[in-house]
Every structure is written in C-alpha cells, then in structure tokens.
C-alpha cells in the first residue's frame, strides 16, 4: 500500500525530534525539520522510534510543570 502522507507510512523511516521544551515528535526522515526542533534519534523504522520513546519518555507531565523547575 502506498501512503500519500509520509506521517502515516508504517514502513517509512522516521526521526524523533525534540524541542527546547523537551517535547518529542515523530517525524518522517524525508521531510525538512521544523524550526526549533532537533533530531535526537533515527532515522529508524516507525516501530524502533516507538520503542525509543517508550524507553525515554517517563512522564506525561511537561517539564515546565515539574517540581524541579519550580522556584
């Protein structure tokens, strides 16, 4: 099956991006990186990116709300 949207292709190569707020995004490797984001993993198959996220992403609480960042 051919996908018209590279974000939907489970057989594609993807990157994990991170911004300065420590938010992550799954991004097709063939697309230009958006401003303010950097690649921290990949390019890898989608499943490998999900495995990386499972291992790295420990909380749903944004870092700006964590106790260690409160003053």
PDB file of N, CA and C in Angstrom:
ATOM      1  N   UNK A   1       0.847  -1.187   0.000  1.00  0.00           N
ATOM      2  CA  UNK A   1       0.000   0.000   0.000  1.00  0.00           C
ATOM      3  C   UNK A   1       0.886   1.241   0.000  1.00  0.00           C
ATOM      4  N   UNK A   2       0.556   2.183  -0.830  1.00  0.00           N
ATOM      5  CA  UNK A   2       1.296   3.434  -0.897  1.00  0.00           C
ATOM      6  C   UNK A   2       0.554   4.493  -0.090  1.00  0.00           C
ATOM      7  N   UNK A   3       1.299   5.246   0.691  1.00  0.00           N
ATOM      8  CA  UNK A   3       0.712   6.288   1.533  1.00  0.00           C
ATOM      9  C   UNK A   3       0.990   7.656   0.930  1.00  0.00           C
ATOM     10  N   UNK A   4      -0.044   8.473   0.836  1.00  0.00           N
ATOM     11  CA  UNK A   4       0.142   9.822   0.306  1.00  0.00           C
ATOM     12  C   UNK A   4       0.699  10.761   1.367  1.00  0.00           C
ATOM     13  N   UNK A   5       0.524  10.407   2.637  1.00  0.00           N
ATOM     14  CA  UNK A   5       1.021  11.221   3.738  1.00  0.00           C
ATOM     15  C   UNK A   5       2.182  10.474   4.397  1.00  0.00           C
ATOM     16  N   UNK A   6       3.399  11.033   4.375  1.00  0.00           N
ATOM     17  CA  UNK A   6       4.550  10.318   4.941  1.00  0.00           C
ATOM     18  C   UNK A   6       4.428  10.060   6.441  1.00  0.00           C
ATOM     19  N   UNK A   7       3.586  10.807   7.138  1.00  0.00           N
ATOM     20  CA  UNK A   7       3.377  10.594   8.569  1.00  0.00           C
ATOM     21  C   UNK A   7       2.620   9.299   8.842  1.00  0.00           C
ATOM     22  N   UNK A   8       1.894   8.807   7.845  1.00  0.00           N
ATOM     23  CA  UNK A   8       1.059   7.621   8.014  1.00  0.00           C
ATOM     24  C   UNK A   8       1.736   6.327   7.589  1.00  0.00           C
ATOM     25  N   UNK A   9       2.904   6.380   6.993  1.00  0.00           N
ATOM     26  CA  UNK A   9       3.547   5.198   6.420  1.00  0.00           C
ATOM     27  C   UNK A   9       4.305   4.406   7.486  1.00  0.00           C
ATOM     28  N   UNK A  10       3.757   3.265   7.945  1.00  0.00           N
ATOM     29  CA  UNK A  10       4.441   2.482   8.980  1.00  0.00           C
ATOM     30  C   UNK A  10       5.735   1.843   8.480  1.00  0.00           C
ATOM     31  N   UNK A  11       5.960   1.820   7.175  1.00  0.00           N
ATOM     32  CA  UNK A  11       7.181   1.255   6.606  1.00  0.00           C
ATOM     33  C   UNK A  11       8.250   2.323   6.358  1.00  0.00           C
ATOM     34  N   UNK A  12       7.917   3.586   6.624  1.00  0.00           N
ATOM     35  CA  UNK A  12       8.853   4.678   6.371  1.00  0.00           C
ATOM     36  C   UNK A  12       9.955   4.758   7.410  1.00  0.00           C
ATOM     37  N   UNK A  13      10.899   5.633   7.156  1.00  0.00           N
ATOM     38  CA  UNK A  13      11.975   5.934   8.101  1.00  0.00           C
ATOM     39  C   UNK A  13      11.608   7.222   8.836  1.00  0.00           C
ATOM     40  N   UNK A  14      11.788   7.205  10.146  1.00  0.00           N
ATOM     41  CA  UNK A  14      11.364   8.322  10.979  1.00  0.00           C
ATOM     42  C   UNK A  14      12.483   8.783  11.898  1.00  0.00           C
ATOM     43  N   UNK A  15      12.329  10.000  12.358  1.00  0.00           N
ATOM     44  CA  UNK A  15      13.197  10.605  13.360  1.00  0.00           C
ATOM     45  C   UNK A  15      12.361  10.897  14.599  1.00  0.00           C
ATOM     46  N   UNK A  16      13.011  10.938  15.733  1.00  0.00           N
ATOM     47  CA  UNK A  16      12.399  11.510  16.926  1.00  0.00           C
ATOM     48  C   UNK A  16      13.009  12.887  17.078  1.00  0.00           C
ATOM     49  N   UNK A  17      12.161  13.891  17.118  1.00  0.00           N
ATOM     50  CA  UNK A  17      12.602  15.272  17.285  1.00  0.00           C
ATOM     51  C   UNK A  17      12.325  15.718  18.709  1.00  0.00           C
ATOM     52  N   UNK A  18      13.111  16.698  19.166  1.00  0.00           N
ATOM     53  CA  UNK A  18      12.904  17.305  20.482  1.00  0.00           C
ATOM     54  C   UNK A  18      13.048  18.809  20.328  1.00  0.00           C
ATOM     55  N   UNK A  19      12.194  19.542  21.036  1.00  0.00           N
ATOM     56  CA  UNK A  19      12.317  20.999  21.017  1.00  0.00           C
ATOM     57  C   UNK A  19      12.887  21.490  22.338  1.00  0.00           C
ATOM     58  N   UNK A  20      13.021  22.787  22.497  1.00  0.00           N
ATOM     59  CA  UNK A  20      13.632  23.340  23.713  1.00  0.00           C
ATOM     60  C   UNK A  20      12.759  23.183  24.951  1.00  0.00           C
ATOM     61  N   UNK A  21      11.520  22.767  24.782  1.00  0.00           N
ATOM     62  CA  UNK A  21      10.627  22.476  25.919  1.00  0.00           C
ATOM     63  C   UNK A  21      10.634  20.994  26.268  1.00  0.00           C
ATOM     64  N   UNK A  22      11.541  20.261  25.639  1.00  0.00           N
ATOM     65  CA  UNK A  22      11.697  18.820  25.850  1.00  0.00           C
ATOM     66  C   UNK A  22      10.451  18.038  25.465  1.00  0.00           C
ATOM     67  N   UNK A  23       9.788  18.522  24.414  1.00  0.00           N
ATOM     68  CA  UNK A  23       8.668  17.798  23.824  1.00  0.00           C
ATOM     69  C   UNK A  23       9.222  16.975  22.670  1.00  0.00           C
ATOM     70  N   UNK A  24       8.614  15.820  22.443  1.00  0.00           N
ATOM     71  CA  UNK A  24       9.052  14.928  21.375  1.00  0.00           C
ATOM     72  C   UNK A  24       8.040  14.900  20.249  1.00  0.00           C
ATOM     73  N   UNK A  25       8.526  14.593  19.046  1.00  0.00           N
ATOM     74  CA  UNK A  25       7.671  14.444  17.883  1.00  0.00           C
ATOM     75  C   UNK A  25       8.227  13.349  16.980  1.00  0.00           C
ATOM     76  N   UNK A  26       7.349  12.493  16.477  1.00  0.00           N
ATOM     77  CA  UNK A  26       7.721  11.509  15.468  1.00  0.00           C
ATOM     78  C   UNK A  26       7.656  12.211  14.128  1.00  0.00           C
ATOM     79  N   UNK A  27       8.746  12.143  13.344  1.00  0.00           N
ATOM     80  CA  UNK A  27       8.850  12.947  12.121  1.00  0.00           C
ATOM     81  C   UNK A  27       9.395  12.096  10.980  1.00  0.00           C
ATOM     82  N   UNK A  28       8.768  12.138   9.814  1.00  0.00           N
ATOM     83  CA  UNK A  28       9.303  11.398   8.661  1.00  0.00           C
ATOM     84  C   UNK A  28      10.699  11.908   8.298  1.00  0.00           C
ATOM     85  N   UNK A  29      11.626  10.976   8.093  1.00  0.00           N
ATOM     86  CA  UNK A  29      13.008  11.353   7.807  1.00  0.00           C
ATOM     87  C   UNK A  29      13.145  12.112   6.500  1.00  0.00           C
ATOM     88  N   UNK A  30      12.218  11.907   5.571  1.00  0.00           N
ATOM     89  CA  UNK A  30      12.332  12.580   4.276  1.00  0.00           C
ATOM     90  C   UNK A  30      11.809  14.018   4.292  1.00  0.00           C
ATOM     91  N   UNK A  31      11.214  14.447   5.396  1.00  0.00           N
ATOM     92  CA  UNK A  31      10.680  15.816   5.493  1.00  0.00           C
ATOM     93  C   UNK A  31      11.701  16.740   6.161  1.00  0.00           C
ATOM     94  N   UNK A  32      11.667  17.997   5.770  1.00  0.00           N
ATOM     95  CA  UNK A  32      12.531  19.019   6.362  1.00  0.00           C
ATOM     96  C   UNK A  32      12.141  19.210   7.826  1.00  0.00           C
ATOM     97  N   UNK A  33      13.154  19.340   8.683  1.00  0.00           N
ATOM     98  CA  UNK A  33      12.881  19.544  10.104  1.00  0.00           C
ATOM     99  C   UNK A  33      12.245  20.913  10.328  1.00  0.00           C
ATOM    100  N   UNK A  34      11.243  20.983  11.199  1.00  0.00           N
ATOM    101  CA  UNK A  34      10.646  22.280  11.505  1.00  0.00           C
ATOM    102  C   UNK A  34      11.596  23.121  12.365  1.00  0.00           C
ATOM    103  N   UNK A  35      11.477  24.415  12.258  1.00  0.00           N
ATOM    104  CA  UNK A  35      12.314  25.329  13.037  1.00  0.00           C
ATOM    105  C   UNK A  35      12.123  25.071  14.521  1.00  0.00           C
ATOM    106  N   UNK A  36      13.228  25.089  15.259  1.00  0.00           N
ATOM    107  CA  UNK A  36      13.174  24.921  16.705  1.00  0.00           C
ATOM    108  C   UNK A  36      13.220  23.478  17.179  1.00  0.00           C
ATOM    109  N   UNK A  37      13.343  22.537  16.262  1.00  0.00           N
ATOM    110  CA  UNK A  37      13.389  21.112  16.617  1.00  0.00           C
ATOM    111  C   UNK A  37      14.717  20.532  16.160  1.00  0.00           C
ATOM    112  N   UNK A  38      15.213  19.525  16.906  1.00  0.00           N
ATOM    113  CA  UNK A  38      16.433  18.823  16.519  1.00  0.00           C
ATOM    114  C   UNK A  38      16.176  17.325  16.595  1.00  0.00           C
ATOM    115  N   UNK A  39      16.845  16.569  15.743  1.00  0.00           N
ATOM    116  CA  UNK A  39      16.715  15.120  15.747  1.00  0.00           C
ATOM    117  C   UNK A  39      17.529  14.555  16.908  1.00  0.00           C
ATOM    118  N   UNK A  40      16.916  13.671  17.705  1.00  0.00           N
ATOM    119  CA  UNK A  40      17.609  13.027  18.826  1.00  0.00           C
ATOM    120  C   UNK A  40      17.681  11.513  18.651  1.00  0.00           C
ATOM    121  N   UNK A  41      17.000  10.977  17.617  1.00  0.00           N
ATOM    122  CA  UNK A  41      17.040   9.548  17.334  1.00  0.00           C
ATOM    123  C   UNK A  41      16.620   9.310  15.893  1.00  0.00           C
ATOM    124  N   UNK A  42      17.258   8.332  15.276  1.00  0.00           N
ATOM    125  CA  UNK A  42      16.885   7.940  13.927  1.00  0.00           C
ATOM    126  C   UNK A  42      17.865   8.470  12.905  1.00  0.00           C
ATOM    127  N   UNK A  43      17.579   8.185  11.644  1.00  0.00           N
ATOM    128  CA  UNK A  43      16.349   7.603  11.123  1.00  0.00           C
ATOM    129  C   UNK A  43      16.275   6.098  11.389  1.00  0.00           C
ATOM    130  N   UNK A  44      15.076   5.666  11.738  1.00  0.00           N
ATOM    131  CA  UNK A  44      14.778   4.275  12.042  1.00  0.00           C
ATOM    132  C   UNK A  44      13.350   3.980  11.603  1.00  0.00           C
ATOM    133  N   UNK A  45      13.001   2.692  11.502  1.00  0.00           N
ATOM    134  CA  UNK A  45      11.605   2.353  11.233  1.00  0.00           C
ATOM    135  C   UNK A  45      10.699   2.878  12.353  1.00  0.00           C
ATOM    136  N   UNK A  46       9.452   3.081  12.019  1.00  0.00           N
ATOM    137  CA  UNK A  46       8.481   3.628  12.973  1.00  0.00           C
ATOM    138  C   UNK A  46       8.467   2.841  14.285  1.00  0.00           C
ATOM    139  N   UNK A  47       8.476   1.512  14.211  1.00  0.00           N
ATOM    140  CA  UNK A  47       8.422   0.683  15.416  1.00  0.00           C
ATOM    141  C   UNK A  47       9.618   0.939  16.327  1.00  0.00           C
ATOM    142  N   UNK A  48      10.813   1.123  15.748  1.00  0.00           N
ATOM    143  CA  UNK A  48      12.001   1.405  16.556  1.00  0.00           C
ATOM    144  C   UNK A  48      11.896   2.768  17.239  1.00  0.00           C
ATOM    145  N   UNK A  49      11.302   3.725  16.550  1.00  0.00           N
ATOM    146  CA  UNK A  49      11.095   5.047  17.152  1.00  0.00           C
ATOM    147  C   UNK A  49      10.132   4.953  18.335  1.00  0.00           C
ATOM    148  N   UNK A  50       9.073   4.161  18.189  1.00  0.00           N
ATOM    149  CA  UNK A  50       8.141   3.975  19.302  1.00  0.00           C
ATOM    150  C   UNK A  50       8.835   3.291  20.480  1.00  0.00           C
ATOM    151  N   UNK A  51       9.698   2.319  20.207  1.00  0.00           N
ATOM    152  CA  UNK A  51      10.451   1.663  21.280  1.00  0.00           C
ATOM    153  C   UNK A  51      11.348   2.655  21.996  1.00  0.00           C
ATOM    154  N   UNK A  52      12.011   3.536  21.230  1.00  0.00           N
ATOM    155  CA  UNK A  52      12.874   4.553  21.836  1.00  0.00           C
ATOM    156  C   UNK A  52      12.051   5.480  22.730  1.00  0.00           C
ATOM    157  N   UNK A  53      10.895   5.901  22.227  1.00  0.00           N
ATOM    158  CA  UNK A  53      10.035   6.774  23.031  1.00  0.00           C
ATOM    159  C   UNK A  53       9.590   6.086  24.306  1.00  0.00           C
ATOM    160  N   UNK A  54       9.219   4.814  24.209  1.00  0.00           N
ATOM    161  CA  UNK A  54       8.813   4.069  25.403  1.00  0.00           C
ATOM    162  C   UNK A  54       9.917   4.047  26.452  1.00  0.00           C
ATOM    163  N   UNK A  55      11.161   3.922  26.014  1.00  0.00           N
ATOM    164  CA  UNK A  55      12.287   3.865  26.938  1.00  0.00           C
ATOM    165  C   UNK A  55      12.669   5.238  27.496  1.00  0.00           C
ATOM    166  N   UNK A  56      12.472   6.295  26.723  1.00  0.00           N
ATOM    167  CA  UNK A  56      12.927   7.630  27.108  1.00  0.00           C
ATOM    168  C   UNK A  56      11.873   8.486  27.794  1.00  0.00           C
ATOM    169  N   UNK A  57      10.632   8.318  27.402  1.00  0.00           N
ATOM    170  CA  UNK A  57       9.565   9.196  27.858  1.00  0.00           C
ATOM    171  C   UNK A  57       8.950   8.604  29.114  1.00  0.00           C
ATOM    172  N   UNK A  58       9.281   9.160  30.247  1.00  0.00           N
ATOM    173  CA  UNK A  58       8.886   8.594  31.526  1.00  0.00           C
ATOM    174  C   UNK A  58       7.652   9.246  32.156  1.00  0.00           C
ATOM    175  N   UNK A  59       7.236  10.389  31.649  1.00  0.00           N
ATOM    176  CA  UNK A  59       6.123  11.096  32.262  1.00  0.00           C
ATOM    177  C   UNK A  59       5.338  11.865  31.217  1.00  0.00           C
ATOM    178  N   UNK A  60       4.068  12.070  31.495  1.00  0.00           N
ATOM    179  CA  UNK A  60       3.243  12.898  30.631  1.00  0.00           C
ATOM    180  C   UNK A  60       3.239  14.351  31.086  1.00  0.00           C
ATOM    181  N   UNK A  61       3.854  14.626  32.233  1.00  0.00           N
ATOM    182  CA  UNK A  61       3.895  15.983  32.761  1.00  0.00           C
ATOM    183  C   UNK A  61       4.982  16.782  32.049  1.00  0.00           C
ATOM    184  N   UNK A  62       4.621  17.878  31.387  1.00  0.00           N
ATOM    185  CA  UNK A  62       5.649  18.711  30.742  1.00  0.00           C
ATOM    186  C   UNK A  62       6.664  19.200  31.768  1.00  0.00           C
ATOM    187  N   UNK A  63       7.915  19.312  31.357  1.00  0.00           N
ATOM    188  CA  UNK A  63       8.977  19.708  32.280  1.00  0.00           C
ATOM    189  C   UNK A  63       8.727  21.077  32.910  1.00  0.00           C
ATOM    190  N   UNK A  64       7.994  21.952  32.228  1.00  0.00           N
ATOM    191  CA  UNK A  64       7.722  23.284  32.788  1.00  0.00           C
ATOM    192  C   UNK A  64       6.824  23.203  34.020  1.00  0.00           C
ATOM    193  N   UNK A  65       6.135  22.052  34.220  1.00  0.00           N
ATOM    194  CA  UNK A  65       5.277  21.875  35.367  1.00  0.00           C
ATOM    195  C   UNK A  65       5.882  20.974  36.446  1.00  0.00           C
ATOM    196  N   UNK A  66       7.069  20.444  36.207  1.00  0.00           N
ATOM    197  CA  UNK A  66       7.664  19.555  37.184  1.00  0.00           C
ATOM    198  C   UNK A  66       8.158  20.331  38.384  1.00  0.00           C
ATOM    199  N   UNK A  67       8.222  19.669  39.519  1.00  0.00           N
ATOM    200  CA  UNK A  67       8.644  20.336  40.765  1.00  0.00           C
ATOM    201  C   UNK A  67      10.069  20.836  40.689  1.00  0.00           C
ATOM    202  N   UNK A  68      10.929  20.106  39.964  1.00  0.00           N
ATOM    203  CA  UNK A  68      12.337  20.524  39.906  1.00  0.00           C
ATOM    204  C   UNK A  68      12.509  21.838  39.158  1.00  0.00           C
ATOM    205  N   UNK A  69      11.526  22.245  38.371  1.00  0.00           N
ATOM    206  CA  UNK A  69      11.621  23.503  37.629  1.00  0.00           C
ATOM    207  C   UNK A  69      10.896  24.658  38.309  1.00  0.00           C
ATOM    208  N   UNK A  70      10.206  24.368  39.389  1.00  0.00           N
ATOM    209  CA  UNK A  70       9.527  25.448  40.128  1.00  0.00           C
ATOM    210  C   UNK A  70      10.487  26.130  41.054  1.00  0.00           C
ATOM    211  N   UNK A  71      10.356  27.395  41.190  1.00  0.00           N
ATOM    212  CA  UNK A  71      11.259  28.154  42.063  1.00  0.00           C
ATOM    213  C   UNK A  71      10.488  28.821  43.161  1.00  0.00           C
TER     214      UNK A  71
END
